[in-house]
Every structure is written in structure tokens, then in C-alpha cells.
Amino acid sequence: MKHEARLRRLRTSLPESNLDFLLVTHLPNVRYLTGFTGSAGALLVGERDAILFTDGRYRTQARQEVRNARIAIASQAPSLAAAEWLAGLRSRSAPRTLGIEAESLTARARDRLAAALRGKAKLRSAPPLIERARMVKDAAEVGLIRKAVKLGASLFDVACKTIRPGVREVEVAAAMEYEARRKGAEGMSFPTIVAAGARSAIIHGRASPARLPRRGFVVCDFGVILAGYCSDRTRTVHVGKPSQQARDFYGAVLEAQLAAIAAVRPGVTTGQVDEAARSVLRKWKLGRWFTHSTGHGVGLEIHEAPRLAAAQTQKLEPGMVVTIEPGAYVPGKWGVRIEDVVVVTPSGCEVLSPEDKDLVVL
């Protein structure tokens, strides 16, 4: 990974943001900049230096993983150690400005930081400098996501072998998660969703003890973490013979997903991609049942920028990796979602997931 180049680009952006230092406390951002994978760390970035503060548990790990920052072992919270180090610098006429990642700090944590600085630096909410950089993946990142997607996609075969009337949703999820670990995944990107029958209308219906019905849709939404990068995929199958209405319902969602994928290319806004899916579902009189966004970025986190939703103005760029996942959900009856991960290319996009999307009947 090009950690040094990433950190160098961040340093050059500090003066443009009127910051003397940036305190990076969101751990995925710390990993993006340094490679550090521990659960306790804060990276203090200045124009000429960077220091990773962590605790004694990670002394060896930090030295193995981090090559582009000094390492400081602290006996207190890493962010407070960073603030005290900054407060201890030789004073100058005007207080320094320390940017913080406000969304990753509680109000209490911000107050403690301000106290530790003892007036030697002013706290300021920094713009999302790292999140903007993370939106566009380099070739190495795309390669890692591709591997995660491939491993994650293979779990659908396990689901299809396990899904039968009377089997509990949690049993299907357990079989998928066991296979993920067996194949080398670090973990799941999020709690596996297996929602059957009327529960398929619950958008984030985590696998429950409910038994699969003799007839109905089963939504399976799942992903893995591999080498730190996430995958995300949704497939909806039908247990028992589907009615024509069920087939048409599934077909409408599939048409919406294909329309959104076809809309993905550089220069198009994320709102336009969302509208491509939404307009198809409106045509089928299902627009009211599509109640979430069409997709999101994916990488070191399962949900990253950009967001593919109505009225969003972020333009797509080559290297962005996003999900395309429209759905329709009729409460108390059924729901369908179909999702793939795509990478934006110079001429359009590439679907990283296997494109088997015909309705599977089990």
C-alpha cells in the first residue's frame, strides 16, 4: 500500500485547510494512512512529521506495520497523549490550529482534548480530507476489493444449499459465515441478513430464529472482510414455486438494478444513478416501496462515501467503488433486493460480482 504517498498528500492539504496539525482518530483512516490495524491509536499529522500514538499492547505490532510515522507508546488514551505532546511544544506567538475528525469524537472526548491542550492550540472541525481521498481507490485497493468480492460471492452457493422450508434463518447465516472463515475471511462486513417470507420486507432483517416458509422470497445480504477490505452482495431467492406476481416483482427490481449499473460512468452524479433505478420502479408502480438509497461506497469500511441517493451531486470518478442495490419492500408481504459491487472505469464501470441474477427457485 502507498501509505507514504497518502500521508504526503494529506500533509500538503493542511495549509489549504488552515490547519497546523490534524489529529486522526477514526481507525479506518489511521489504517489508510499508516497500515496500523490495532484497536487503539491516534495519528497526529503535521506539515513535516507524523506520530502514531498507541498503547503498550500494540508496541510490537505498530513497529511491524508502520513505516511512515514515528511511534509513541502512551499510558493514557492515544488522543489525549497526542494533545499533551502538542501542548508541550515550544510556544509561539499564536496558538496552533488542530483539526479534529468531529464525527468520530464524542462531545466529552472533545472537551478532554481541549483541556489537555491547555490553550496551546485551538480545536477546529476539519473537512473530510481523508474520506475524500478514500473515495477513489488505487489499483492495489481495487485488487483487494476484487478478492473480497470473489470470496463473498461464493457464499451464495452455501446459502442455496442450506435454504429449505423449516430451516432457521440463523442456520443459513451460520453456514455462510463458517464458510467465509474457512476460506480465510477476517470476518463479516456486517451481521449477515437472511430474511424470509414476510420478513423479507424488513430492509435490514438480520438472521433470526424464524424458520423459512414453504413458499416466499428469502433476501440474503452478506459480505466479508479480506485484508481489511469489505465486500457486499445481496441476492434474493424464492422458496417454492413463485407466482407470476412474484416473478414480475423480482423482474422489476432486476430491471432497476441493471438500469442503475448502466448509468455508472465518470462525470455522472450519484443522484443520477439513483434516479436511473428509481424511475424504473416508478414505471412498475413500485416507487413508494423503494425506501433507501441505491448504493454507497465500499472499501476499508462497509459504508463509505460517496452515497448514491436522490439529489446527491457528487460526480463519479474512475477508481470509485460503489454498490448498486435497489429494492422494493411491501410490509407484511415480501421484499426483494439485488446488489453488486462495481468499480468506475474511464469508460463506464465493471461489475466485480458474478452477474448471475436470474431468479433462483429452491
Protein backbone atom coordinates (compact mmCIF):
# COMPACT_ATOMS: atom_id res chain seq x y z
CA MET A 1 0.00 0.00 0.00
CA LYS A 2 1.15 3.54 -0.77
CA HIS A 3 0.93 4.83 2.78
CA GLU A 4 3.78 7.32 2.41
CA ALA A 5 2.22 8.92 -0.67
CA ARG A 6 -1.16 9.16 1.05
CA LEU A 7 0.35 10.82 4.09
CA ARG A 8 2.34 13.20 1.92
CA ARG A 9 -0.81 14.30 0.06
CA LEU A 10 -2.58 14.85 3.37
CA ARG A 11 0.26 16.99 4.66
CA THR A 12 0.11 19.26 1.63
CA SER A 13 -3.62 19.78 2.19
CA LEU A 14 -3.23 21.05 5.76
CA PRO A 15 -2.24 24.64 4.89
CA GLU A 16 -5.06 24.79 2.33
CA SER A 17 -7.45 23.92 5.17
CA ASN A 18 -5.81 26.43 7.54
CA LEU A 19 -4.61 23.67 9.85
CA ASP A 20 -1.23 23.29 11.54
CA PHE A 21 -1.97 19.71 12.63
CA LEU A 22 -4.64 17.09 12.07
CA LEU A 23 -5.50 14.52 14.75
CA VAL A 24 -6.72 11.35 13.04
CA THR A 25 -8.78 9.27 15.46
CA HIS A 26 -11.08 7.32 13.11
CA LEU A 27 -9.27 3.98 12.99
CA PRO A 28 -10.02 3.16 9.32
CA ASN A 29 -8.40 6.49 8.45
CA VAL A 30 -5.39 5.66 10.63
CA ARG A 31 -5.08 2.35 8.79
CA TYR A 32 -5.45 4.04 5.39
CA LEU A 33 -2.57 6.39 6.15
CA THR A 34 -0.18 4.08 8.03
CA GLY A 35 -1.24 0.43 7.77
CA PHE A 36 -1.80 0.21 11.53
CA THR A 37 -4.54 -2.30 12.34
CA GLY A 38 -4.73 -2.02 16.12
CA SER A 39 -7.85 -1.04 18.04
CA ALA A 40 -6.27 1.90 19.89
CA GLY A 41 -4.44 4.61 18.02
CA ALA A 42 -4.36 8.30 17.13
CA LEU A 43 -2.23 9.78 14.38
CA LEU A 44 -1.01 13.34 14.76
CA VAL A 45 -0.11 14.75 11.35
CA GLY A 46 1.81 17.98 10.83
CA GLU A 47 3.31 19.56 7.73
CA ARG A 48 6.66 17.83 8.30
CA ASP A 49 6.01 14.94 10.68
CA ALA A 50 3.54 12.29 11.78
CA ILE A 51 3.36 10.45 15.11
CA LEU A 52 1.25 7.40 15.86
CA PHE A 53 0.19 7.28 19.50
CA THR A 54 -0.91 3.88 20.80
CA ASP A 55 -0.62 1.84 23.99
CA GLY A 56 1.67 -0.91 25.19
CA ARG A 57 -0.49 -3.70 23.80
CA TYR A 58 0.50 -2.64 20.29
CA ARG A 59 4.17 -1.85 20.80
CA THR A 60 5.39 -4.75 18.63
CA GLN A 61 2.51 -4.64 16.15
CA ALA A 62 2.87 -0.92 15.48
CA ARG A 63 6.59 -1.27 14.78
CA GLN A 64 5.88 -4.11 12.36
CA GLU A 65 3.08 -2.36 10.50
CA VAL A 66 4.02 1.32 10.46
CA ARG A 67 6.91 2.65 8.41
CA ASN A 68 5.93 6.25 7.68
CA ALA A 69 5.31 7.67 11.16
CA ARG A 70 7.07 7.81 14.50
CA ILE A 71 5.55 5.61 17.18
CA ALA A 72 4.81 6.82 20.70
CA ILE A 73 3.62 4.40 23.38
CA ALA A 74 1.21 6.14 25.73
CA SER A 75 -0.06 5.30 29.20
CA GLN A 76 -3.34 7.10 28.56
CA ALA A 77 -5.84 7.45 25.71
CA PRO A 78 -3.85 7.93 22.47
CA SER A 79 -5.74 11.09 21.51
CA LEU A 80 -5.02 12.70 24.89
CA ALA A 81 -1.37 11.72 24.62
CA ALA A 82 -1.25 13.43 21.23
CA ALA A 83 -2.85 16.58 22.65
CA GLU A 84 -0.40 16.72 25.56
CA TRP A 85 2.53 16.24 23.20
CA LEU A 86 1.28 19.14 21.10
CA ALA A 87 0.75 21.29 24.19
CA GLY A 88 4.34 20.62 25.20
CA LEU A 89 5.84 22.05 22.01
CA ARG A 90 7.78 25.27 22.32
CA SER A 91 5.25 28.11 22.29
CA ARG A 92 4.97 30.67 19.55
CA SER A 93 3.10 33.94 19.22
CA ALA A 94 -0.22 32.49 18.07
CA PRO A 95 -1.88 29.22 19.19
CA ARG A 96 -1.66 26.38 16.71
CA THR A 97 -4.79 25.11 14.99
CA LEU A 98 -5.51 21.42 15.49
CA GLY A 99 -8.03 19.83 13.17
CA ILE A 100 -10.12 17.01 14.56
CA GLU A 101 -12.39 14.41 12.99
CA ALA A 102 -15.52 15.67 14.69
CA GLU A 103 -17.73 12.78 13.55
CA SER A 104 -15.52 10.25 15.34
CA LEU A 105 -15.35 12.14 18.65
CA THR A 106 -17.95 12.46 21.38
CA ALA A 107 -18.61 15.82 23.00
CA ARG A 108 -16.89 14.52 26.14
CA ALA A 109 -13.80 13.48 24.16
CA ARG A 110 -13.61 16.91 22.57
CA ASP A 111 -13.79 18.59 25.98
CA ARG A 112 -10.99 16.37 27.29
CA LEU A 113 -8.84 17.21 24.24
CA ALA A 114 -9.37 20.93 24.80
CA ALA A 115 -8.34 20.58 28.44
CA ALA A 116 -5.21 18.60 27.54
CA LEU A 117 -4.13 21.30 25.07
CA ARG A 118 -4.09 23.93 27.89
CA GLY A 119 -4.78 26.73 25.45
CA LYS A 120 -1.69 25.96 23.36
CA ALA A 121 -3.82 25.01 20.32
CA LYS A 122 -7.28 25.77 19.02
CA LEU A 123 -9.55 22.87 18.12
CA ARG A 124 -11.32 23.02 14.81
CA SER A 125 -13.51 20.51 12.99
CA ALA A 126 -11.51 19.51 9.92
CA PRO A 127 -13.05 18.94 6.50
CA PRO A 128 -13.27 15.26 5.44
CA LEU A 129 -9.80 15.29 3.87
CA ILE A 130 -9.12 11.58 4.28
CA GLU A 131 -12.64 10.46 3.36
CA ARG A 132 -12.38 12.41 0.10
CA ALA A 133 -9.11 10.66 -0.71
CA ARG A 134 -10.54 7.26 0.20
CA MET A 135 -13.40 7.66 -2.30
CA VAL A 136 -11.04 6.93 -5.19
CA LYS A 137 -9.27 3.59 -4.83
CA ASP A 138 -5.85 2.87 -6.28
CA ALA A 139 -5.12 -0.29 -8.25
CA ALA A 140 -3.96 -2.20 -5.17
CA GLU A 141 -7.15 -1.38 -3.30
CA VAL A 142 -9.33 -2.39 -6.23
CA GLY A 143 -7.42 -5.67 -6.37
CA LEU A 144 -8.08 -6.36 -2.69
CA ILE A 145 -11.76 -5.49 -3.02
CA ARG A 146 -11.99 -7.75 -6.06
CA LYS A 147 -10.66 -10.66 -3.98
CA ALA A 148 -13.04 -9.89 -1.14
CA VAL A 149 -15.97 -9.75 -3.56
CA LYS A 150 -14.99 -13.06 -5.11
CA LEU A 151 -14.79 -14.77 -1.73
CA GLY A 152 -18.02 -13.18 -0.57
CA ALA A 153 -19.87 -14.14 -3.72
CA SER A 154 -19.00 -17.78 -3.19
CA LEU A 155 -21.10 -17.80 -0.01
CA PHE A 156 -24.27 -17.60 -2.07
CA ASP A 157 -23.72 -21.20 -3.17
CA VAL A 158 -23.68 -22.20 0.50
CA ALA A 159 -26.89 -20.28 1.10
CA CYS A 160 -28.62 -22.02 -1.78
CA LYS A 161 -27.59 -25.43 -0.44
CA THR A 162 -28.87 -24.57 3.04
CA ILE A 163 -32.12 -22.77 2.29
CA ARG A 164 -35.05 -25.17 2.70
CA PRO A 165 -38.51 -24.85 4.28
CA GLY A 166 -38.26 -25.21 8.04
CA VAL A 167 -34.58 -24.28 8.30
CA ARG A 168 -33.95 -21.32 10.61
CA GLU A 169 -32.61 -18.10 9.17
CA VAL A 170 -29.73 -18.17 11.66
CA GLU A 171 -28.74 -21.63 10.38
CA VAL A 172 -28.37 -20.25 6.85
CA ALA A 173 -26.30 -17.33 8.13
CA ALA A 174 -24.14 -19.64 10.25
CA ALA A 175 -23.36 -21.89 7.28
CA MET A 176 -22.35 -18.85 5.21
CA GLU A 177 -20.21 -17.34 7.94
CA TYR A 178 -18.46 -20.63 8.69
CA GLU A 179 -17.56 -20.98 5.01
CA ALA A 180 -16.27 -17.40 4.95
CA ARG A 181 -13.91 -18.11 7.84
CA ARG A 182 -12.88 -21.44 6.36
CA LYS A 183 -11.86 -19.65 3.16
CA GLY A 184 -9.77 -17.08 5.00
CA ALA A 185 -12.04 -14.11 5.70
CA GLU A 186 -11.12 -11.98 8.71
CA GLY A 187 -14.79 -11.64 9.50
CA MET A 188 -18.08 -10.48 8.05
CA SER A 189 -18.52 -6.93 6.78
CA PHE A 190 -21.75 -6.67 8.80
CA PRO A 191 -24.19 -9.03 10.54
CA THR A 192 -25.46 -11.36 7.83
CA ILE A 193 -29.01 -10.64 6.67
CA VAL A 194 -31.27 -13.60 5.95
CA ALA A 195 -34.92 -12.53 5.91
CA ALA A 196 -37.64 -14.84 4.62
CA GLY A 197 -41.32 -14.61 3.81
CA ALA A 198 -42.95 -11.52 5.29
CA ARG A 199 -39.61 -10.70 6.97
CA SER A 200 -38.07 -10.14 3.53
CA ALA A 201 -39.79 -6.74 3.62
CA ILE A 202 -37.54 -5.74 6.56
CA ILE A 203 -34.72 -3.93 4.79
CA HIS A 204 -32.04 -4.84 7.35
CA GLY A 205 -33.62 -8.04 8.60
CA ARG A 206 -30.75 -9.73 10.42
CA ALA A 207 -30.95 -13.51 10.51
CA SER A 208 -33.39 -14.57 13.22
CA PRO A 209 -34.54 -17.87 14.73
CA ALA A 210 -37.58 -17.76 12.40
CA ARG A 211 -38.00 -20.79 10.17
CA LEU A 212 -38.10 -20.43 6.40
CA PRO A 213 -41.63 -20.72 4.97
CA ARG A 214 -42.74 -23.29 2.45
CA ARG A 215 -43.15 -20.51 -0.09
CA GLY A 216 -41.79 -17.00 -0.35
CA PHE A 217 -38.82 -14.75 -1.01
CA VAL A 218 -35.60 -15.02 1.01
CA VAL A 219 -33.30 -11.96 0.99
CA CYS A 220 -29.63 -12.78 1.64
CA ASP A 221 -27.35 -9.76 2.16
CA PHE A 222 -23.78 -10.62 3.11
CA GLY A 223 -20.17 -9.58 2.84
CA VAL A 224 -16.70 -10.43 4.09
CA ILE A 225 -13.57 -8.61 5.20
CA LEU A 226 -10.38 -9.75 3.49
CA ALA A 227 -7.05 -7.99 4.05
CA GLY A 228 -9.02 -5.14 5.62
CA TYR A 229 -11.31 -4.54 2.65
CA CYS A 230 -15.03 -5.25 2.56
CA SER A 231 -17.38 -6.88 0.10
CA ASP A 232 -21.15 -6.51 -0.11
CA ARG A 233 -23.68 -8.56 -2.05
CA THR A 234 -27.41 -9.23 -1.98
CA ARG A 235 -29.31 -11.98 -3.71
CA THR A 236 -32.99 -12.81 -3.31
CA VAL A 237 -34.22 -16.34 -3.92
CA HIS A 238 -37.69 -17.88 -3.80
CA VAL A 239 -38.64 -20.98 -1.84
CA GLY A 240 -41.35 -22.95 -3.62
CA LYS A 241 -42.92 -22.11 -6.95
CA PRO A 242 -43.29 -18.33 -7.35
CA SER A 243 -46.48 -16.77 -8.62
CA GLN A 244 -46.42 -14.62 -11.74
CA GLN A 245 -46.85 -11.58 -9.49
CA ALA A 246 -43.74 -12.60 -7.56
CA ARG A 247 -41.78 -13.08 -10.78
CA ASP A 248 -42.87 -9.66 -12.03
CA PHE A 249 -41.93 -8.07 -8.70
CA TYR A 250 -38.47 -9.61 -8.86
CA GLY A 251 -38.11 -8.65 -12.52
CA ALA A 252 -38.90 -5.01 -11.76
CA VAL A 253 -36.13 -4.81 -9.15
CA LEU A 254 -33.69 -6.53 -11.51
CA GLU A 255 -34.54 -4.09 -14.28
CA ALA A 256 -33.96 -1.20 -11.89
CA GLN A 257 -30.59 -2.58 -10.83
CA LEU A 258 -29.44 -3.09 -14.42
CA ALA A 259 -30.54 0.45 -15.32
CA ALA A 260 -28.53 1.90 -12.44
CA ILE A 261 -25.44 -0.10 -13.39
CA ALA A 262 -25.77 1.12 -16.98
CA ALA A 263 -25.82 4.70 -15.70
CA VAL A 264 -22.50 4.42 -13.85
CA ARG A 265 -19.69 6.25 -15.64
CA PRO A 266 -17.31 9.15 -14.93
CA GLY A 267 -18.98 12.54 -14.70
CA VAL A 268 -22.41 11.21 -13.81
CA THR A 269 -23.65 12.28 -10.39
CA THR A 270 -24.54 9.73 -7.76
CA GLY A 271 -28.03 11.26 -7.72
CA GLN A 272 -28.43 10.45 -11.42
CA VAL A 273 -27.55 6.80 -10.79
CA ASP A 274 -30.13 6.69 -8.01
CA GLU A 275 -32.73 8.19 -10.33
CA ALA A 276 -32.00 5.58 -13.00
CA ALA A 277 -33.08 2.85 -10.59
CA ARG A 278 -35.93 4.82 -9.06
CA SER A 279 -37.51 5.70 -12.40
CA VAL A 280 -37.77 2.02 -13.36
CA LEU A 281 -39.53 1.16 -10.10
CA ARG A 282 -41.90 4.10 -10.57
CA LYS A 283 -42.76 2.72 -14.02
CA TRP A 284 -43.71 -0.57 -12.34
CA LYS A 285 -45.78 1.36 -9.74
CA LEU A 286 -43.31 0.28 -7.05
CA GLY A 287 -41.59 3.60 -6.39
CA ARG A 288 -43.21 4.04 -2.98
CA TRP A 289 -41.72 0.72 -1.85
CA PHE A 290 -38.11 1.72 -2.62
CA THR A 291 -37.26 3.46 0.64
CA HIS A 292 -33.46 3.54 0.82
CA SER A 293 -30.61 4.83 -1.32
CA THR A 294 -29.38 2.99 -4.41
CA GLY A 295 -25.88 2.42 -3.06
CA HIS A 296 -22.78 3.54 -1.24
CA GLY A 297 -19.02 3.44 -1.42
CA VAL A 298 -17.23 0.40 -0.04
CA GLY A 299 -13.61 -0.15 0.98
CA LEU A 300 -11.98 -0.28 4.40
CA GLU A 301 -15.50 0.29 5.72
CA ILE A 302 -18.70 -1.26 4.50
CA HIS A 303 -20.32 2.17 4.16
CA GLU A 304 -18.11 4.92 2.75
CA ALA A 305 -18.51 7.96 0.56
CA PRO A 306 -19.92 8.50 -1.97
CA ARG A 307 -23.61 7.98 -1.29
CA LEU A 308 -25.84 7.11 -4.24
CA ALA A 309 -29.10 8.76 -3.29
CA ALA A 310 -31.67 11.28 -4.51
CA ALA A 311 -30.34 14.81 -5.10
CA GLN A 312 -26.70 13.87 -4.40
CA THR A 313 -24.33 15.92 -6.55
CA GLN A 314 -21.02 14.04 -6.12
CA LYS A 315 -19.68 13.16 -9.57
CA LEU A 316 -18.35 9.67 -10.16
CA GLU A 317 -14.64 9.28 -10.94
CA PRO A 318 -12.57 6.34 -12.19
CA GLY A 319 -11.49 4.25 -9.23
CA MET A 320 -14.59 4.79 -7.13
CA VAL A 321 -16.03 1.51 -5.87
CA VAL A 322 -19.75 1.53 -5.08
CA THR A 323 -22.66 -0.80 -4.53
CA ILE A 324 -25.75 -0.81 -6.71
CA GLU A 325 -28.62 -2.20 -4.64
CA PRO A 326 -32.16 -1.05 -5.37
CA GLY A 327 -35.01 -2.91 -3.73
CA ALA A 328 -38.74 -2.91 -3.16
CA TYR A 329 -40.41 -3.91 0.10
CA VAL A 330 -44.14 -4.33 0.76
CA PRO A 331 -44.64 -4.52 4.55
CA GLY A 332 -46.24 -7.73 5.72
CA LYS A 333 -45.94 -9.34 2.29
CA TRP A 334 -42.49 -9.54 0.74
CA GLY A 335 -39.33 -7.76 -0.35
CA VAL A 336 -36.63 -8.10 -3.00
CA ARG A 337 -33.14 -6.56 -3.20
CA ILE A 338 -30.37 -7.26 -5.72
CA GLU A 339 -26.88 -5.87 -5.10
CA ASP A 340 -23.49 -5.89 -6.77
CA VAL A 341 -20.21 -4.04 -6.24
CA VAL A 342 -18.94 -2.06 -9.23
CA VAL A 343 -15.79 -0.05 -9.90
CA VAL A 344 -15.97 3.07 -12.04
CA THR A 345 -13.71 2.81 -15.10
CA PRO A 346 -12.64 5.52 -17.58
CA SER A 347 -15.43 4.46 -19.96
CA GLY A 348 -18.14 3.18 -17.62
CA CYS A 349 -17.95 0.57 -14.91
CA GLU A 350 -17.01 -3.02 -14.20
CA VAL A 351 -19.22 -5.27 -12.11
CA LEU A 352 -16.95 -7.10 -9.67
CA SER A 353 -19.58 -9.61 -8.55
CA PRO A 354 -20.57 -12.63 -10.65
CA GLU A 355 -23.58 -11.48 -12.64
CA ASP A 356 -25.91 -14.45 -12.06
CA LYS A 357 -29.15 -12.65 -11.32
CA ASP A 358 -31.96 -14.78 -12.71
CA LEU A 359 -34.47 -15.65 -10.00
CA VAL A 360 -33.29 -18.77 -8.18
CA VAL A 361 -36.15 -21.08 -7.12
CA LEU A 362 -35.34 -23.55 -4.35
